Amino acid sequence: MAPVAGEAPATASAVPDRATLRLALVVGGLVLAVLLGFGLGRINGGGGPTAAGGTGSALAEHPHAPGAGAHSHGADQDAAAEAGGLAVSRDGYTLTPLDDEFTLGQAGELRFQIRDGQRRTVTRFAVVHDKPMHVIVVRRDLSGYQHLHPTMAVDGTWSVPLTLPSPGVWRAYADFTAVADDGRQTATTLGVDLVAPGDYTPRDLPGPATTTRVDEFTVEYRGAPQPGLTVPVDFRITGADGVGPTLERYLGAYGHLVALRQGDLGYLHVHPEAELVDGAIRFWLTTPAPGRYRLYLDFATGGAVRTAEFTVSVS
């Protein structure tokens, strides 16, 4: 439109009107919130593990709706079902033991480091299930299970007292989530053999059973693992009077479960529910293939941690 005679030509204002400014602020706030949420998710592992020295746990790693049954996880299923602990190096990290032979029946110390692809000693770990490092030790016939929590020196050397009570070859698993310099987190399990010299007579693996006794408690197992599927497995605990004891949280949950595969001793990650399900401790188990598995359930009551063991056949 032509300007009116005697009037200065109109020019575009460099200052936006109020409506435009308000819209820009709203859009900018939304973008900032999304970016911050993404960044925090990367740092905190999506609400699961937290940086070493924090107070979080990994109970939100694998959530399931109440009443969920056996299921798969699409493209992620193969990775979820893969057994760990079969090698000293995996996912860019290496388990380096500083000693691997122990005197039978005598108190010793397991010492090791975790090194990255540049052979640098790793010193940053996320806290998962209340600890930055979980060590599982078991003889290769799946007897003598121990669940240990080492401490780390400033140079990245982990150490924990360890006694191997019977001769033979033992398997030690380091279950951890390493934190890289860029904040990226990698959860993995590495394994190494330990030796207690002496005459070794392997024990037969107990047959499958749905109940077992631990001190004065009866522990009942319910579940039907299937190859390649994630299924719920429940454990119900009762005392000598037939009444369930008051369960206490151990490692951030009402129980901790380790599953090992007979033969190669493959280590399976098992995820717990945050709360009891109808009074039972529920986990979600993914078995990668048919075979026999040994389950080790740690639970706490009366200030003491006990372990119930089960053999499960998967076909």
C-alpha atoms as a PDB file:
ATOM      1  CA  MET A   1       0.000   0.000   0.000  1.00  0.00           C
ATOM      2  CA  ALA A   2       1.360   3.454  -0.854  1.00  0.00           C
ATOM      3  CA  PRO A   3       2.033   5.865   2.049  1.00  0.00           C
ATOM      4  CA  VAL A   4      -0.360   8.723   2.704  1.00  0.00           C
ATOM      5  CA  ALA A   5       0.926  12.092   1.570  1.00  0.00           C
ATOM      6  CA  GLY A   6       2.822  13.865   4.308  1.00  0.00           C
ATOM      7  CA  GLU A   7       3.287  10.673   6.311  1.00  0.00           C
ATOM      8  CA  ALA A   8       6.601   8.918   6.833  1.00  0.00           C
ATOM      9  CA  PRO A   9       6.814   5.468   5.163  1.00  0.00           C
ATOM     10  CA  ALA A  10       6.021   2.580   7.486  1.00  0.00           C
ATOM     11  CA  THR A  11       8.976   0.370   8.557  1.00  0.00           C
ATOM     12  CA  ALA A  12       9.127  -3.155  10.096  1.00  0.00           C
ATOM     13  CA  SER A  13       9.588  -2.959  13.864  1.00  0.00           C
ATOM     14  CA  ALA A  14      12.606  -4.803  15.347  1.00  0.00           C
ATOM     15  CA  VAL A  15      10.643  -5.393  18.584  1.00  0.00           C
ATOM     16  CA  PRO A  16       8.151  -8.307  18.425  1.00  0.00           C
ATOM     17  CA  ASP A  17       4.602  -7.788  19.649  1.00  0.00           C
ATOM     18  CA  ARG A  18       3.528  -9.363  22.944  1.00  0.00           C
ATOM     19  CA  ALA A  19       1.750 -12.341  21.364  1.00  0.00           C
ATOM     20  CA  THR A  20       4.799 -13.262  19.310  1.00  0.00           C
ATOM     21  CA  LEU A  21       7.097 -12.879  22.331  1.00  0.00           C
ATOM     22  CA  ARG A  22       4.812 -15.041  24.498  1.00  0.00           C
ATOM     23  CA  LEU A  23       4.738 -17.793  21.838  1.00  0.00           C
ATOM     24  CA  ALA A  24       8.521 -17.741  21.510  1.00  0.00           C
ATOM     25  CA  LEU A  25       8.977 -18.094  25.256  1.00  0.00           C
ATOM     26  CA  VAL A  26       6.574 -21.061  25.421  1.00  0.00           C
ATOM     27  CA  VAL A  27       8.269 -22.863  22.510  1.00  0.00           C
ATOM     28  CA  GLY A  28      11.719 -22.166  23.945  1.00  0.00           C
ATOM     29  CA  GLY A  29      10.683 -23.527  27.331  1.00  0.00           C
ATOM     30  CA  LEU A  30       9.373 -26.727  25.800  1.00  0.00           C
ATOM     31  CA  VAL A  31      12.568 -27.256  23.804  1.00  0.00           C
ATOM     32  CA  LEU A  32      14.696 -26.646  26.907  1.00  0.00           C
ATOM     33  CA  ALA A  33      12.622 -29.104  28.955  1.00  0.00           C
ATOM     34  CA  VAL A  34      13.024 -31.820  26.294  1.00  0.00           C
ATOM     35  CA  LEU A  35      16.794 -31.263  26.082  1.00  0.00           C
ATOM     36  CA  LEU A  36      17.194 -31.322  29.848  1.00  0.00           C
ATOM     37  CA  GLY A  37      15.103 -34.476  30.134  1.00  0.00           C
ATOM     38  CA  PHE A  38      17.205 -36.194  27.480  1.00  0.00           C
ATOM     39  CA  GLY A  39      20.439 -35.148  29.171  1.00  0.00           C
ATOM     40  CA  LEU A  40      19.326 -36.306  32.595  1.00  0.00           C
ATOM     41  CA  GLY A  41      18.155 -39.577  31.128  1.00  0.00           C
ATOM     42  CA  ARG A  42      21.599 -40.152  29.625  1.00  0.00           C
ATOM     43  CA  ILE A  43      23.324 -39.279  32.907  1.00  0.00           C
ATOM     44  CA  ASN A  44      21.082 -41.305  35.184  1.00  0.00           C
ATOM     45  CA  GLY A  45      20.501 -44.257  32.885  1.00  0.00           C
ATOM     46  CA  GLY A  46      16.820 -43.468  32.430  1.00  0.00           C
ATOM     47  CA  GLY A  47      16.061 -43.385  36.140  1.00  0.00           C
ATOM     48  CA  GLY A  48      17.955 -46.556  37.012  1.00  0.00           C
ATOM     49  CA  PRO A  49      21.618 -46.521  38.027  1.00  0.00           C
ATOM     50  CA  THR A  50      23.207 -43.370  39.400  1.00  0.00           C
ATOM     51  CA  ALA A  51      26.800 -42.228  39.483  1.00  0.00           C
ATOM     52  CA  ALA A  52      29.050 -43.909  42.028  1.00  0.00           C
ATOM     53  CA  GLY A  53      28.554 -42.281  45.396  1.00  0.00           C
ATOM     54  CA  GLY A  54      24.872 -41.588  44.712  1.00  0.00           C
ATOM     55  CA  THR A  55      21.860 -43.107  46.386  1.00  0.00           C
ATOM     56  CA  GLY A  56      19.832 -44.550  43.509  1.00  0.00           C
ATOM     57  CA  SER A  57      19.108 -48.124  42.482  1.00  0.00           C
ATOM     58  CA  ALA A  58      18.290 -49.957  39.265  1.00  0.00           C
ATOM     59  CA  LEU A  59      14.760 -51.017  40.125  1.00  0.00           C
ATOM     60  CA  ALA A  60      13.377 -49.008  37.207  1.00  0.00           C
ATOM     61  CA  GLU A  61      15.580 -50.745  34.604  1.00  0.00           C
ATOM     62  CA  HIS A  62      12.949 -53.223  33.504  1.00  0.00           C
ATOM     63  CA  PRO A  63       9.469 -52.172  34.643  1.00  0.00           C
ATOM     64  CA  HIS A  64       6.391 -54.289  33.988  1.00  0.00           C
ATOM     65  CA  ALA A  65       2.723 -53.600  34.459  1.00  0.00           C
ATOM     66  CA  PRO A  66       0.981 -55.568  37.225  1.00  0.00           C
ATOM     67  CA  GLY A  67      -0.302 -58.872  35.891  1.00  0.00           C
ATOM     68  CA  ALA A  68       2.066 -58.930  32.908  1.00  0.00           C
ATOM     69  CA  GLY A  69       2.855 -62.409  31.627  1.00  0.00           C
ATOM     70  CA  ALA A  70       5.581 -63.931  29.469  1.00  0.00           C
ATOM     71  CA  HIS A  71       6.659 -61.537  26.719  1.00  0.00           C
ATOM     72  CA  SER A  72       9.476 -60.535  24.417  1.00  0.00           C
ATOM     73  CA  HIS A  73      11.068 -57.147  23.802  1.00  0.00           C
ATOM     74  CA  GLY A  74      11.284 -57.087  20.022  1.00  0.00           C
ATOM     75  CA  ALA A  75      14.691 -56.167  18.613  1.00  0.00           C
ATOM     76  CA  ASP A  76      16.205 -55.902  22.095  1.00  0.00           C
ATOM     77  CA  GLN A  77      15.277 -59.458  23.056  1.00  0.00           C
ATOM     78  CA  ASP A  78      18.428 -61.177  21.768  1.00  0.00           C
ATOM     79  CA  ALA A  79      20.633 -58.788  23.762  1.00  0.00           C
ATOM     80  CA  ALA A  80      18.456 -59.176  26.850  1.00  0.00           C
ATOM     81  CA  ALA A  81      18.679 -62.966  26.692  1.00  0.00           C
ATOM     82  CA  GLU A  82      22.426 -63.173  26.079  1.00  0.00           C
ATOM     83  CA  ALA A  83      24.359 -64.702  28.948  1.00  0.00           C
ATOM     84  CA  GLY A  84      27.231 -62.682  30.403  1.00  0.00           C
ATOM     85  CA  GLY A  85      30.316 -63.545  32.420  1.00  0.00           C
ATOM     86  CA  LEU A  86      31.720 -65.873  29.761  1.00  0.00           C
ATOM     87  CA  ALA A  87      34.834 -63.786  29.025  1.00  0.00           C
ATOM     88  CA  VAL A  88      37.321 -61.496  30.739  1.00  0.00           C
ATOM     89  CA  SER A  89      36.807 -58.870  27.999  1.00  0.00           C
ATOM     90  CA  ARG A  90      33.487 -57.590  26.694  1.00  0.00           C
ATOM     91  CA  ASP A  91      31.794 -54.336  25.704  1.00  0.00           C
ATOM     92  CA  GLY A  92      35.129 -52.509  25.646  1.00  0.00           C
ATOM     93  CA  TYR A  93      36.151 -53.460  29.200  1.00  0.00           C
ATOM     94  CA  THR A  94      38.544 -56.059  30.633  1.00  0.00           C
ATOM     95  CA  LEU A  95      38.583 -57.723  34.050  1.00  0.00           C
ATOM     96  CA  THR A  96      42.198 -57.890  35.225  1.00  0.00           C
ATOM     97  CA  PRO A  97      42.742 -60.014  38.362  1.00  0.00           C
ATOM     98  CA  LEU A  98      45.852 -59.240  40.406  1.00  0.00           C
ATOM     99  CA  ASP A  99      45.888 -62.792  41.777  1.00  0.00           C
ATOM    100  CA  ASP A 100      43.891 -65.891  40.866  1.00  0.00           C
ATOM    101  CA  GLU A 101      45.157 -68.692  43.154  1.00  0.00           C
ATOM    102  CA  PHE A 102      43.986 -69.153  46.734  1.00  0.00           C
ATOM    103  CA  THR A 103      45.071 -71.398  49.587  1.00  0.00           C
ATOM    104  CA  LEU A 104      42.299 -73.878  50.251  1.00  0.00           C
ATOM    105  CA  GLY A 105      40.158 -72.951  53.253  1.00  0.00           C
ATOM    106  CA  GLN A 106      42.275 -69.934  54.226  1.00  0.00           C
ATOM    107  CA  ALA A 107      41.114 -66.330  54.229  1.00  0.00           C
ATOM    108  CA  GLY A 108      42.513 -64.475  51.243  1.00  0.00           C
ATOM    109  CA  GLU A 109      41.724 -61.386  49.239  1.00  0.00           C
ATOM    110  CA  LEU A 110      40.375 -61.052  45.736  1.00  0.00           C
ATOM    111  CA  ARG A 111      41.949 -58.026  44.024  1.00  0.00           C
ATOM    112  CA  PHE A 112      41.249 -56.839  40.493  1.00  0.00           C
ATOM    113  CA  GLN A 113      40.890 -53.858  38.187  1.00  0.00           C
ATOM    114  CA  ILE A 114      38.541 -52.987  35.339  1.00  0.00           C
ATOM    115  CA  ARG A 115      40.334 -51.539  32.325  1.00  0.00           C
ATOM    116  CA  ASP A 116      38.965 -49.845  29.220  1.00  0.00           C
ATOM    117  CA  GLY A 117      39.956 -50.260  25.561  1.00  0.00           C
ATOM    118  CA  GLN A 118      43.046 -48.073  26.082  1.00  0.00           C
ATOM    119  CA  ARG A 119      44.089 -50.238  29.056  1.00  0.00           C
ATOM    120  CA  ARG A 120      43.343 -47.372  31.426  1.00  0.00           C
ATOM    121  CA  THR A 121      42.058 -48.362  34.855  1.00  0.00           C
ATOM    122  CA  VAL A 122      38.401 -47.415  35.203  1.00  0.00           C
ATOM    123  CA  THR A 123      37.482 -45.511  38.355  1.00  0.00           C
ATOM    124  CA  ARG A 124      33.925 -44.305  37.603  1.00  0.00           C
ATOM    125  CA  PHE A 125      31.027 -46.677  38.114  1.00  0.00           C
ATOM    126  CA  ALA A 126      27.288 -46.241  38.478  1.00  0.00           C
ATOM    127  CA  VAL A 127      25.541 -47.363  41.652  1.00  0.00           C
ATOM    128  CA  VAL A 128      23.209 -50.241  40.726  1.00  0.00           C
ATOM    129  CA  HIS A 129      21.214 -52.094  43.380  1.00  0.00           C
ATOM    130  CA  ASP A 130      22.865 -49.900  46.029  1.00  0.00           C
ATOM    131  CA  LYS A 131      26.448 -50.882  45.067  1.00  0.00           C
ATOM    132  CA  PRO A 132      28.922 -49.847  42.340  1.00  0.00           C
ATOM    133  CA  MET A 133      30.299 -53.408  42.054  1.00  0.00           C
ATOM    134  CA  HIS A 134      28.780 -56.843  42.651  1.00  0.00           C
ATOM    135  CA  VAL A 135      31.029 -59.903  42.711  1.00  0.00           C
ATOM    136  CA  ILE A 136      29.600 -63.417  42.512  1.00  0.00           C
ATOM    137  CA  VAL A 137      31.845 -66.396  43.245  1.00  0.00           C
ATOM    138  CA  VAL A 138      30.790 -70.011  42.666  1.00  0.00           C
ATOM    139  CA  ARG A 139      32.594 -73.282  42.060  1.00  0.00           C
ATOM    140  CA  ARG A 140      32.267 -74.604  38.525  1.00  0.00           C
ATOM    141  CA  ASP A 141      29.872 -77.324  39.704  1.00  0.00           C
ATOM    142  CA  LEU A 142      27.606 -74.438  40.863  1.00  0.00           C
ATOM    143  CA  SER A 143      28.219 -75.057  44.578  1.00  0.00           C
ATOM    144  CA  GLY A 144      29.638 -72.648  47.182  1.00  0.00           C
ATOM    145  CA  TYR A 145      27.806 -69.513  45.993  1.00  0.00           C
ATOM    146  CA  GLN A 146      29.022 -66.191  47.482  1.00  0.00           C
ATOM    147  CA  HIS A 147      27.738 -62.667  46.801  1.00  0.00           C
ATOM    148  CA  LEU A 148      30.379 -60.069  47.675  1.00  0.00           C
ATOM    149  CA  HIS A 149      30.740 -56.278  47.511  1.00  0.00           C
ATOM    150  CA  PRO A 150      34.346 -55.123  47.142  1.00  0.00           C
ATOM    151  CA  THR A 151      35.673 -51.658  47.844  1.00  0.00           C
ATOM    152  CA  MET A 152      37.690 -49.582  45.397  1.00  0.00           C
ATOM    153  CA  ALA A 153      40.975 -47.799  46.125  1.00  0.00           C
ATOM    154  CA  VAL A 154      41.741 -44.445  44.541  1.00  0.00           C
ATOM    155  CA  ASP A 155      43.818 -46.146  41.827  1.00  0.00           C
ATOM    156  CA  GLY A 156      40.828 -48.247  40.726  1.00  0.00           C
ATOM    157  CA  THR A 157      41.874 -51.487  42.432  1.00  0.00           C
ATOM    158  CA  TRP A 158      38.930 -53.429  43.869  1.00  0.00           C
ATOM    159  CA  SER A 159      39.457 -55.751  46.845  1.00  0.00           C
ATOM    160  CA  VAL A 160      37.298 -58.016  48.984  1.00  0.00           C
ATOM    161  CA  PRO A 161      38.058 -60.802  51.506  1.00  0.00           C
ATOM    162  CA  LEU A 162      37.503 -64.234  49.958  1.00  0.00           C
ATOM    163  CA  THR A 163      37.798 -67.797  51.217  1.00  0.00           C
ATOM    164  CA  LEU A 164      37.453 -70.762  48.866  1.00  0.00           C
ATOM    165  CA  PRO A 165      36.292 -73.585  51.157  1.00  0.00           C
ATOM    166  CA  SER A 166      36.688 -76.521  48.765  1.00  0.00           C
ATOM    167  CA  PRO A 167      39.265 -77.424  46.074  1.00  0.00           C
ATOM    168  CA  GLY A 168      38.667 -76.881  42.403  1.00  0.00           C
ATOM    169  CA  VAL A 169      38.182 -74.172  39.822  1.00  0.00           C
ATOM    170  CA  TRP A 170      35.878 -71.336  40.823  1.00  0.00           C
ATOM    171  CA  ARG A 171      34.254 -68.688  38.664  1.00  0.00           C
ATOM    172  CA  ALA A 172      34.280 -65.042  39.766  1.00  0.00           C
ATOM    173  CA  TYR A 173      31.895 -62.582  38.098  1.00  0.00           C
ATOM    174  CA  ALA A 174      32.242 -58.799  38.188  1.00  0.00           C
ATOM    175  CA  ASP A 175      28.808 -57.248  37.567  1.00  0.00           C
ATOM    176  CA  PHE A 176      29.038 -53.472  37.089  1.00  0.00           C
ATOM    177  CA  THR A 177      28.065 -50.401  35.084  1.00  0.00           C
ATOM    178  CA  ALA A 178      31.070 -48.369  33.965  1.00  0.00           C
ATOM    179  CA  VAL A 179      30.816 -44.620  33.331  1.00  0.00           C
ATOM    180  CA  ALA A 180      32.943 -43.283  30.465  1.00  0.00           C
ATOM    181  CA  ASP A 181      34.531 -39.841  30.304  1.00  0.00           C
ATOM    182  CA  ASP A 182      31.606 -38.569  28.197  1.00  0.00           C
ATOM    183  CA  GLY A 183      29.079 -39.854  30.768  1.00  0.00           C
ATOM    184  CA  ARG A 184      28.005 -42.863  28.690  1.00  0.00           C
ATOM    185  CA  GLN A 185      27.130 -45.873  30.865  1.00  0.00           C
ATOM    186  CA  THR A 186      27.874 -49.486  29.941  1.00  0.00           C
ATOM    187  CA  ALA A 187      26.426 -52.346  31.981  1.00  0.00           C
ATOM    188  CA  THR A 188      28.257 -55.639  31.630  1.00  0.00           C
ATOM    189  CA  THR A 189      29.388 -58.757  33.461  1.00  0.00           C
ATOM    190  CA  LEU A 190      32.913 -60.131  33.121  1.00  0.00           C
ATOM    191  CA  GLY A 191      34.188 -63.448  34.433  1.00  0.00           C
ATOM    192  CA  VAL A 192      37.484 -65.058  35.401  1.00  0.00           C
ATOM    193  CA  ASP A 193      38.518 -68.414  36.877  1.00  0.00           C
ATOM    194  CA  LEU A 194      40.071 -68.752  40.338  1.00  0.00           C
ATOM    195  CA  VAL A 195      41.873 -71.853  41.601  1.00  0.00           C
ATOM    196  CA  ALA A 196      41.934 -73.578  44.990  1.00  0.00           C
ATOM    197  CA  PRO A 197      44.463 -76.423  44.569  1.00  0.00           C
ATOM    198  CA  GLY A 198      43.519 -79.871  45.839  1.00  0.00           C
ATOM    199  CA  ASP A 199      41.650 -83.019  44.886  1.00  0.00           C
ATOM    200  CA  TYR A 200      38.468 -81.941  43.145  1.00  0.00           C
ATOM    201  CA  THR A 201      35.350 -84.083  43.155  1.00  0.00           C
ATOM    202  CA  PRO A 202      32.455 -82.292  41.465  1.00  0.00           C
ATOM    203  CA  ARG A 203      29.056 -82.414  43.112  1.00  0.00           C
ATOM    204  CA  ASP A 204      25.976 -83.424  41.195  1.00  0.00           C
ATOM    205  CA  LEU A 205      23.570 -80.576  40.574  1.00  0.00           C
ATOM    206  CA  PRO A 206      20.421 -81.062  42.665  1.00  0.00           C
ATOM    207  CA  GLY A 207      17.314 -81.870  40.662  1.00  0.00           C
ATOM    208  CA  PRO A 208      14.541 -79.356  39.998  1.00  0.00           C
ATOM    209  CA  ALA A 209      12.311 -78.635  43.006  1.00  0.00           C
ATOM    210  CA  THR A 210       9.708 -76.019  43.847  1.00  0.00           C
ATOM    211  CA  THR A 211      10.567 -75.663  47.562  1.00  0.00           C
ATOM    212  CA  THR A 212      13.706 -75.557  49.659  1.00  0.00           C
ATOM    213  CA  ARG A 213      14.622 -74.957  53.293  1.00  0.00           C
ATOM    214  CA  VAL A 214      16.937 -72.189  54.518  1.00  0.00           C
ATOM    215  CA  ASP A 215      17.396 -72.280  58.291  1.00  0.00           C
ATOM    216  CA  GLU A 216      13.867 -72.086  59.730  1.00  0.00           C
ATOM    217  CA  PHE A 217      12.348 -70.758  56.504  1.00  0.00           C
ATOM    218  CA  THR A 218      10.638 -72.531  53.619  1.00  0.00           C
ATOM    219  CA  VAL A 219      11.069 -70.862  50.237  1.00  0.00           C
ATOM    220  CA  GLU A 220       8.646 -71.737  47.435  1.00  0.00           C
ATOM    221  CA  TYR A 221       9.434 -71.130  43.775  1.00  0.00           C
ATOM    222  CA  ARG A 222       6.830 -70.534  41.079  1.00  0.00           C
ATOM    223  CA  GLY A 223       7.624 -69.902  37.443  1.00  0.00           C
ATOM    224  CA  ALA A 224       7.840 -71.435  33.984  1.00  0.00           C
ATOM    225  CA  PRO A 225      10.900 -70.032  32.157  1.00  0.00           C
ATOM    226  CA  GLN A 226      10.825 -70.370  28.377  1.00  0.00           C
ATOM    227  CA  PRO A 227      13.727 -69.885  25.958  1.00  0.00           C
ATOM    228  CA  GLY A 228      13.835 -66.370  24.541  1.00  0.00           C
ATOM    229  CA  LEU A 229      10.946 -65.034  26.613  1.00  0.00           C
ATOM    230  CA  THR A 230      10.886 -62.804  29.681  1.00  0.00           C
ATOM    231  CA  VAL A 231       8.725 -64.448  32.330  1.00  0.00           C
ATOM    232  CA  PRO A 232       7.838 -63.688  35.960  1.00  0.00           C
ATOM    233  CA  VAL A 233       9.298 -65.968  38.632  1.00  0.00           C
ATOM    234  CA  ASP A 234       7.998 -65.654  42.189  1.00  0.00           C
ATOM    235  CA  PHE A 235       9.442 -66.664  45.547  1.00  0.00           C
ATOM    236  CA  ARG A 236       7.266 -66.946  48.630  1.00  0.00           C
ATOM    237  CA  ILE A 237       8.877 -67.291  52.069  1.00  0.00           C
ATOM    238  CA  THR A 238       7.222 -68.700  55.189  1.00  0.00           C
ATOM    239  CA  GLY A 239       8.497 -69.344  58.706  1.00  0.00           C
ATOM    240  CA  ALA A 240       8.158 -72.443  60.874  1.00  0.00           C
ATOM    241  CA  ASP A 241       4.717 -71.223  61.950  1.00  0.00           C
ATOM    242  CA  GLY A 242       3.553 -71.055  58.337  1.00  0.00           C
ATOM    243  CA  VAL A 243       3.429 -67.270  58.405  1.00  0.00           C
ATOM    244  CA  GLY A 244       5.480 -65.107  56.098  1.00  0.00           C
ATOM    245  CA  PRO A 245       8.263 -63.195  57.899  1.00  0.00           C
ATOM    246  CA  THR A 246       8.740 -59.468  57.601  1.00  0.00           C
ATOM    247  CA  LEU A 247      11.027 -59.120  54.609  1.00  0.00           C
ATOM    248  CA  GLU A 248      13.586 -56.346  54.595  1.00  0.00           C
ATOM    249  CA  ARG A 249      15.026 -54.579  51.590  1.00  0.00           C
ATOM    250  CA  TYR A 250      18.380 -55.927  50.478  1.00  0.00           C
ATOM    251  CA  LEU A 251      20.341 -54.060  47.796  1.00  0.00           C
ATOM    252  CA  GLY A 252      17.396 -51.751  47.297  1.00  0.00           C
ATOM    253  CA  ALA A 253      14.785 -54.480  46.830  1.00  0.00           C
ATOM    254  CA  TYR A 254      13.104 -57.309  48.697  1.00  0.00           C
ATOM    255  CA  GLY A 255      15.437 -59.804  47.069  1.00  0.00           C
ATOM    256  CA  HIS A 256      18.355 -60.259  44.707  1.00  0.00           C
ATOM    257  CA  LEU A 257      18.458 -63.109  42.177  1.00  0.00           C
ATOM    258  CA  VAL A 258      21.401 -64.567  40.254  1.00  0.00           C
ATOM    259  CA  ALA A 259      20.875 -67.206  37.547  1.00  0.00           C
ATOM    260  CA  LEU A 260      23.744 -69.329  36.191  1.00  0.00           C
ATOM    261  CA  ARG A 261      23.558 -71.774  33.299  1.00  0.00           C
ATOM    262  CA  GLN A 262      24.959 -75.264  33.833  1.00  0.00           C
ATOM    263  CA  GLY A 263      27.779 -76.137  31.446  1.00  0.00           C
ATOM    264  CA  ASP A 264      29.299 -72.801  30.470  1.00  0.00           C
ATOM    265  CA  LEU A 265      28.237 -70.933  33.636  1.00  0.00           C
ATOM    266  CA  GLY A 266      26.617 -68.148  31.650  1.00  0.00           C
ATOM    267  CA  TYR A 267      25.407 -65.343  33.945  1.00  0.00           C
ATOM    268  CA  LEU A 268      21.900 -63.959  33.500  1.00  0.00           C
ATOM    269  CA  HIS A 269      20.690 -60.545  34.605  1.00  0.00           C
ATOM    270  CA  VAL A 270      17.433 -60.853  36.532  1.00  0.00           C
ATOM    271  CA  HIS A 271      15.318 -57.766  37.233  1.00  0.00           C
ATOM    272  CA  PRO A 272      13.192 -57.388  40.397  1.00  0.00           C
ATOM    273  CA  GLU A 273       9.887 -55.720  40.998  1.00  0.00           C
ATOM    274  CA  ALA A 274      10.187 -52.781  43.368  1.00  0.00           C
ATOM    275  CA  GLU A 275       7.397 -54.081  45.629  1.00  0.00           C
ATOM    276  CA  LEU A 276       6.102 -57.459  46.757  1.00  0.00           C
ATOM    277  CA  VAL A 277       3.448 -59.044  44.544  1.00  0.00           C
ATOM    278  CA  ASP A 278       0.748 -60.662  46.713  1.00  0.00           C
ATOM    279  CA  GLY A 279       3.393 -61.198  49.376  1.00  0.00           C
ATOM    280  CA  ALA A 280       5.898 -62.820  46.993  1.00  0.00           C
ATOM    281  CA  ILE A 281       9.237 -61.534  45.657  1.00  0.00           C
ATOM    282  CA  ARG A 282       8.885 -61.280  41.881  1.00  0.00           C
ATOM    283  CA  PHE A 283      11.660 -61.203  39.297  1.00  0.00           C
ATOM    284  CA  TRP A 284      11.665 -61.154  35.499  1.00  0.00           C
ATOM    285  CA  LEU A 285      13.867 -63.873  34.027  1.00  0.00           C
ATOM    286  CA  THR A 286      14.989 -64.257  30.413  1.00  0.00           C
ATOM    287  CA  THR A 287      16.663 -67.581  29.569  1.00  0.00           C
ATOM    288  CA  PRO A 288      18.464 -67.617  26.203  1.00  0.00           C
ATOM    289  CA  ALA A 289      18.247 -71.353  25.468  1.00  0.00           C
ATOM    290  CA  PRO A 290      17.049 -74.702  26.818  1.00  0.00           C
ATOM    291  CA  GLY A 291      19.109 -76.209  29.614  1.00  0.00           C
ATOM    292  CA  ARG A 292      19.453 -76.371  33.365  1.00  0.00           C
ATOM    293  CA  TYR A 293      19.906 -73.220  35.391  1.00  0.00           C
ATOM    294  CA  ARG A 294      20.750 -72.668  39.032  1.00  0.00           C
ATOM    295  CA  LEU A 295      18.914 -69.804  40.744  1.00  0.00           C
ATOM    296  CA  TYR A 296      20.316 -68.114  43.862  1.00  0.00           C
ATOM    297  CA  LEU A 297      17.854 -65.946  45.785  1.00  0.00           C
ATOM    298  CA  ASP A 298      19.256 -63.594  48.441  1.00  0.00           C
ATOM    299  CA  PHE A 299      16.665 -62.260  50.884  1.00  0.00           C
ATOM    300  CA  ALA A 300      16.856 -60.453  54.204  1.00  0.00           C
ATOM    301  CA  THR A 301      14.804 -60.857  57.352  1.00  0.00           C
ATOM    302  CA  GLY A 302      15.639 -60.245  61.005  1.00  0.00           C
ATOM    303  CA  GLY A 303      18.768 -58.338  60.000  1.00  0.00           C
ATOM    304  CA  ALA A 304      20.347 -61.377  58.282  1.00  0.00           C
ATOM    305  CA  VAL A 305      20.766 -62.195  54.590  1.00  0.00           C
ATOM    306  CA  ARG A 306      20.062 -65.782  53.536  1.00  0.00           C
ATOM    307  CA  THR A 307      20.346 -67.581  50.199  1.00  0.00           C
ATOM    308  CA  ALA A 308      17.850 -70.061  48.762  1.00  0.00           C
ATOM    309  CA  GLU A 309      18.953 -72.155  45.767  1.00  0.00           C
ATOM    310  CA  PHE A 310      16.870 -73.824  43.051  1.00  0.00           C
ATOM    311  CA  THR A 311      17.571 -75.862  39.949  1.00  0.00           C
ATOM    312  CA  VAL A 312      15.290 -75.041  37.023  1.00  0.00           C
ATOM    313  CA  SER A 313      14.999 -76.974  33.741  1.00  0.00           C
ATOM    314  CA  VAL A 314      14.133 -74.901  30.690  1.00  0.00           C
ATOM    315  CA  SER A 315      12.862 -76.640  27.557  1.00  0.00           C
END
